[in-house]
Amino acid sequence: MPAHCSQLRNLVLSAYPSSFQKLPDPFRDGLKVDRLDEIHQAPRIAGDIVAPLQAANIKNAVDNALRSFSATDSAVQQICDAVDNPSEKSTGLYFAPINVDIVLLEALVLYTGQSAVSATGQKAGTPAPNNLPQSALLEKLVKVLNPEGRYYFLSSIANQLRYPNSHTHYFSNVMLELFGSYPADQQGTDIREQIIRVLLERLIVHRPHPWGLIITLQELLQNSSYPFFRLPFIQAAPEIGRLFEALLQHIQQQSPRPSS
């Protein structure tokens, strides 16, 4: 699905299994996502996420990186080179060329997340992402990929922010960790700006909005440990700051008030 078709993509990503009678209210005051029973359940994956890795000759490099925290620079670069050299060229909005392999990125992100969830077993919820080799690989790729590759990489992560399940929980934690872990240098600022862009362009379209997307953006806006409103690109444009302040106010107003 083209990346610029935000509303259609949201419609697809907002779907959830028929076994769910109703999704937990993401605006409920005091909602503890890590205590939901649903986050211990992995979603069904219908497609083949291994074939793209094999076709790009990076599966061994990925598997080696997922077994330990010591992913070599050469292995990470091999993965990035494969991402930057798609076998088939595609175009985006206004037929602008896309110079990364989006199918490979989607497979890589989902393969890595599936490995992380399988490794933890979800027995006690998802551990902190920085304690997993899978998350360490994702963090290295975010640093090494060029801006275009990083945008589509973060978009692939955001595509996993769906209904409550173990993958949504893991990738929400990953996105938050990526946002909060980098120093306040230019690269860290660029990464945070792209994370906000990826999340915001999915939120400013009409409903529906994926449950995991709302949960993740709420945490960024409401948790004071994330320097959201202090970021240079937020403060540089007053209208952008006001947009997010209005969004935060809207989120707070949506939270059900306790009955008297």
Protein backbone atom coordinates (compact mmCIF):
# COMPACT_ATOMS: atom_id res chain seq x y z
CA MET A 1 0.00 0.00 0.00
CA PRO A 2 1.49 3.41 -0.93
CA ALA A 3 2.90 5.24 2.07
CA HIS A 4 1.02 8.44 1.23
CA CYS A 5 -2.39 6.73 1.43
CA SER A 6 -2.57 7.45 5.16
CA GLN A 7 -6.30 7.10 5.71
CA LEU A 8 -6.61 3.86 3.75
CA ARG A 9 -3.61 2.47 5.63
CA ASN A 10 -5.18 3.45 8.96
CA LEU A 11 -8.37 1.70 7.95
CA VAL A 12 -6.48 -1.54 7.33
CA LEU A 13 -4.29 -1.26 10.44
CA SER A 14 -7.30 -0.50 12.66
CA ALA A 15 -8.82 -3.91 11.95
CA TYR A 16 -8.86 -6.41 14.80
CA PRO A 17 -9.89 -10.07 15.20
CA SER A 18 -13.55 -10.96 15.59
CA SER A 19 -12.67 -12.54 18.95
CA PHE A 20 -12.41 -9.00 20.35
CA GLN A 21 -15.83 -7.79 21.40
CA LYS A 22 -14.44 -4.33 22.07
CA LEU A 23 -10.99 -2.75 22.22
CA PRO A 24 -9.81 -1.28 25.54
CA ASP A 25 -10.48 2.45 25.63
CA PRO A 26 -7.08 4.08 24.92
CA PHE A 27 -8.26 7.27 26.65
CA ARG A 28 -9.26 5.56 29.89
CA ASP A 29 -7.64 7.24 32.85
CA GLY A 30 -5.08 4.97 34.50
CA LEU A 31 -4.99 2.42 31.67
CA LYS A 32 -2.03 0.07 32.19
CA VAL A 33 -1.23 -1.42 28.82
CA ASP A 34 1.28 -3.90 30.22
CA ARG A 35 -1.48 -5.41 32.39
CA LEU A 36 -3.85 -6.16 29.54
CA ASP A 37 -4.32 -9.86 28.85
CA GLU A 38 -4.28 -9.16 25.11
CA ILE A 39 -0.63 -8.11 25.04
CA HIS A 40 0.40 -11.69 25.78
CA GLN A 41 -1.15 -12.88 22.51
CA ALA A 42 0.78 -12.75 19.24
CA PRO A 43 -1.07 -11.75 16.07
CA ARG A 44 -1.46 -14.17 13.19
CA ILE A 45 1.01 -13.53 10.35
CA ALA A 46 -0.28 -14.68 7.00
CA GLY A 47 2.55 -13.59 4.70
CA ASP A 48 6.06 -14.94 4.23
CA ILE A 49 8.47 -12.65 6.07
CA VAL A 50 11.51 -14.86 5.53
CA ALA A 51 11.58 -14.93 1.72
CA PRO A 52 12.46 -11.22 1.29
CA LEU A 53 15.40 -11.60 3.70
CA GLN A 54 16.64 -14.65 1.81
CA ALA A 55 16.21 -12.97 -1.57
CA ALA A 56 18.31 -10.04 -0.35
CA ASN A 57 20.95 -12.42 1.08
CA ILE A 58 20.77 -10.87 4.55
CA LYS A 59 18.98 -13.56 6.58
CA ASN A 60 22.21 -14.98 8.03
CA ALA A 61 23.42 -11.50 8.95
CA VAL A 62 20.08 -10.73 10.61
CA ASP A 63 19.98 -14.05 12.49
CA ASN A 64 23.51 -13.53 13.79
CA ALA A 65 22.61 -10.04 14.99
CA LEU A 66 19.49 -11.33 16.76
CA ARG A 67 21.46 -13.90 18.74
CA SER A 68 23.61 -11.37 20.58
CA PHE A 69 24.20 -7.67 21.15
CA SER A 70 27.36 -7.79 19.06
CA ALA A 71 26.00 -7.09 15.59
CA THR A 72 29.09 -6.11 13.62
CA ASP A 73 29.28 -2.88 11.68
CA SER A 74 29.80 -4.89 8.50
CA ALA A 75 26.60 -6.90 9.12
CA VAL A 76 24.58 -3.75 9.78
CA GLN A 77 26.04 -2.15 6.67
CA GLN A 78 25.18 -5.26 4.63
CA ILE A 79 21.56 -4.94 5.73
CA CYS A 80 21.50 -1.21 4.92
CA ASP A 81 23.04 -1.81 1.50
CA ALA A 82 20.31 -4.34 0.71
CA VAL A 83 17.63 -1.87 1.81
CA ASP A 84 19.15 0.87 -0.35
CA ASN A 85 19.21 -1.31 -3.47
CA PRO A 86 15.66 -2.48 -4.22
CA SER A 87 15.29 -5.09 -6.95
CA GLU A 88 12.22 -3.24 -8.25
CA LYS A 89 11.91 0.53 -8.32
CA SER A 90 8.70 2.08 -7.01
CA THR A 91 7.28 5.58 -6.80
CA GLY A 92 5.46 7.57 -4.15
CA LEU A 93 3.35 10.71 -4.14
CA TYR A 94 3.55 12.64 -7.43
CA PHE A 95 5.58 9.73 -8.84
CA ALA A 96 8.62 10.65 -6.74
CA PRO A 97 11.05 7.71 -6.87
CA ILE A 98 11.44 5.58 -3.75
CA ASN A 99 15.03 4.45 -3.38
CA VAL A 100 14.59 1.85 -0.65
CA ASP A 101 13.17 -1.66 -0.60
CA ILE A 102 9.97 -1.18 1.39
CA VAL A 103 8.98 -4.86 1.21
CA LEU A 104 12.35 -5.84 2.65
CA LEU A 105 12.03 -3.26 5.44
CA GLU A 106 8.56 -4.51 6.37
CA ALA A 107 9.81 -8.10 6.48
CA LEU A 108 12.93 -7.15 8.44
CA VAL A 109 11.01 -5.21 11.09
CA LEU A 110 8.35 -7.89 11.54
CA TYR A 111 10.93 -10.71 11.57
CA THR A 112 12.91 -8.88 14.26
CA GLY A 113 9.83 -8.15 16.36
CA GLN A 114 8.60 -11.73 16.08
CA SER A 115 12.02 -12.91 17.26
CA ALA A 116 11.91 -10.54 20.25
CA VAL A 117 8.44 -11.64 21.32
CA SER A 118 9.34 -15.32 20.91
CA ALA A 119 12.55 -14.87 22.91
CA THR A 120 10.78 -13.31 25.88
CA GLY A 121 7.80 -15.64 25.77
CA GLN A 122 5.69 -12.76 27.07
CA LYS A 123 5.64 -14.44 30.49
CA ALA A 124 6.02 -11.20 32.39
CA GLY A 125 5.20 -8.63 29.76
CA THR A 126 7.66 -7.16 27.32
CA PRO A 127 11.06 -6.34 28.84
CA ALA A 128 12.65 -2.98 28.26
CA PRO A 129 13.60 -2.87 24.57
CA ASN A 130 17.19 -1.90 25.37
CA ASN A 131 17.61 -5.28 27.10
CA LEU A 132 17.04 -7.24 23.90
CA PRO A 133 19.48 -7.87 21.02
CA GLN A 134 16.57 -7.46 18.61
CA SER A 135 16.02 -3.90 19.81
CA ALA A 136 19.75 -3.22 19.68
CA LEU A 137 19.71 -4.15 15.99
CA LEU A 138 16.75 -1.84 15.31
CA GLU A 139 18.54 1.00 17.09
CA LYS A 140 21.71 0.48 15.06
CA LEU A 141 19.75 0.48 11.82
CA VAL A 142 18.00 3.73 12.74
CA LYS A 143 21.40 5.34 13.21
CA VAL A 144 23.01 4.00 10.03
CA LEU A 145 20.18 4.25 7.49
CA ASN A 146 20.04 7.40 5.39
CA PRO A 147 17.09 9.78 6.01
CA GLU A 148 14.87 8.19 3.36
CA GLY A 149 15.60 4.68 4.55
CA ARG A 150 15.07 5.74 8.16
CA TYR A 151 11.67 7.25 7.35
CA TYR A 152 10.40 4.05 5.75
CA PHE A 153 12.02 1.99 8.50
CA LEU A 154 10.16 3.97 11.19
CA SER A 155 7.00 3.70 9.08
CA SER A 156 7.41 -0.08 9.09
CA ILE A 157 7.62 -0.01 12.88
CA ALA A 158 4.53 2.21 13.05
CA ASN A 159 2.67 -0.29 10.85
CA GLN A 160 2.90 -2.74 13.77
CA LEU A 161 1.07 -0.37 16.14
CA ARG A 162 -2.29 -2.04 15.72
CA TYR A 163 -4.82 -3.65 18.07
CA PRO A 164 -3.68 -4.86 21.54
CA ASN A 165 -1.27 -7.77 21.08
CA SER A 166 2.32 -8.69 21.86
CA HIS A 167 3.70 -7.12 18.67
CA THR A 168 1.89 -3.83 19.23
CA HIS A 169 3.20 -3.71 22.80
CA TYR A 170 6.76 -4.49 21.77
CA PHE A 171 6.93 -2.03 18.89
CA SER A 172 5.28 0.71 20.94
CA ASN A 173 8.05 0.25 23.51
CA VAL A 174 10.64 0.29 20.74
CA MET A 175 9.31 3.54 19.29
CA LEU A 176 9.31 5.17 22.72
CA GLU A 177 12.81 3.91 23.44
CA LEU A 178 14.10 5.24 20.12
CA PHE A 179 12.54 8.61 20.86
CA GLY A 180 13.94 8.89 24.36
CA SER A 181 17.36 7.26 24.12
CA TYR A 182 19.32 9.55 21.80
CA PRO A 183 21.40 12.51 22.99
CA ALA A 184 20.35 16.04 22.11
CA ASP A 185 22.67 16.24 19.11
CA GLN A 186 21.73 16.78 15.49
CA GLN A 187 21.27 13.09 14.70
CA GLY A 188 19.11 12.57 17.79
CA THR A 189 16.99 15.58 16.84
CA ASP A 190 16.60 14.30 13.27
CA ILE A 191 15.50 10.86 14.49
CA ARG A 192 12.93 12.32 16.90
CA GLU A 193 11.62 14.62 14.19
CA GLN A 194 11.10 11.68 11.84
CA ILE A 195 9.37 9.67 14.57
CA ILE A 196 6.94 12.54 15.16
CA ARG A 197 6.35 12.91 11.43
CA VAL A 198 5.56 9.21 11.02
CA LEU A 199 3.11 9.21 13.93
CA LEU A 200 1.51 12.56 13.19
CA GLU A 201 0.81 11.96 9.50
CA ARG A 202 -1.26 8.94 10.57
CA LEU A 203 -3.17 10.90 13.19
CA ILE A 204 -4.16 14.04 11.28
CA VAL A 205 -6.36 12.12 8.84
CA HIS A 206 -9.96 11.13 9.56
CA ARG A 207 -10.79 8.19 11.78
CA PRO A 208 -10.24 5.36 12.39
CA HIS A 209 -6.83 5.55 14.03
CA PRO A 210 -5.03 2.35 15.07
CA TRP A 211 -5.23 1.66 18.81
CA GLY A 212 -1.46 1.21 19.18
CA LEU A 213 -0.79 4.50 17.40
CA ILE A 214 -2.97 6.41 19.88
CA ILE A 215 -1.37 4.69 22.88
CA THR A 216 2.16 5.48 21.67
CA LEU A 217 1.53 9.13 20.84
CA GLN A 218 -0.32 9.64 24.12
CA GLU A 219 2.71 8.39 26.03
CA LEU A 220 5.03 10.74 24.15
CA LEU A 221 2.80 13.72 24.87
CA GLN A 222 1.89 12.99 28.48
CA ASN A 223 5.02 11.40 29.95
CA SER A 224 7.32 14.16 31.20
CA SER A 225 10.38 11.90 30.84
CA TYR A 226 10.19 12.47 27.08
CA PRO A 227 11.42 15.95 26.09
CA PHE A 228 8.62 16.37 23.57
CA PHE A 229 7.67 20.02 24.00
CA ARG A 230 11.32 21.03 24.55
CA LEU A 231 12.49 19.75 21.18
CA PRO A 232 13.98 22.39 18.85
CA PHE A 233 11.67 21.64 15.92
CA ILE A 234 8.62 21.97 18.20
CA GLN A 235 9.75 25.27 19.69
CA ALA A 236 10.97 26.70 16.37
CA ALA A 237 7.44 26.99 14.97
CA PRO A 238 4.79 28.25 17.43
CA GLU A 239 1.99 26.86 15.27
CA ILE A 240 3.45 23.36 15.57
CA GLY A 241 3.69 23.69 19.34
CA ARG A 242 0.07 24.87 19.51
CA LEU A 243 -1.01 21.94 17.36
CA PHE A 244 0.46 19.42 19.79
CA GLU A 245 -0.81 21.32 22.82
CA ALA A 246 -4.30 21.18 21.33
CA LEU A 247 -3.82 17.48 20.65
CA LEU A 248 -2.75 16.86 24.25
CA GLN A 249 -5.75 18.81 25.51
CA HIS A 250 -8.03 16.77 23.26
CA ILE A 251 -6.55 13.53 24.62
CA GLN A 252 -7.09 14.70 28.19
CA GLN A 253 -10.67 15.69 27.44
CA GLN A 254 -11.35 12.25 25.96
CA SER A 255 -10.34 10.57 29.23
CA PRO A 256 -13.51 9.50 31.04
CA ARG A 257 -14.11 11.44 34.23
CA PRO A 258 -14.71 9.43 37.42
CA SER A 259 -18.37 9.33 38.35
CA SER A 260 -19.38 11.22 41.48
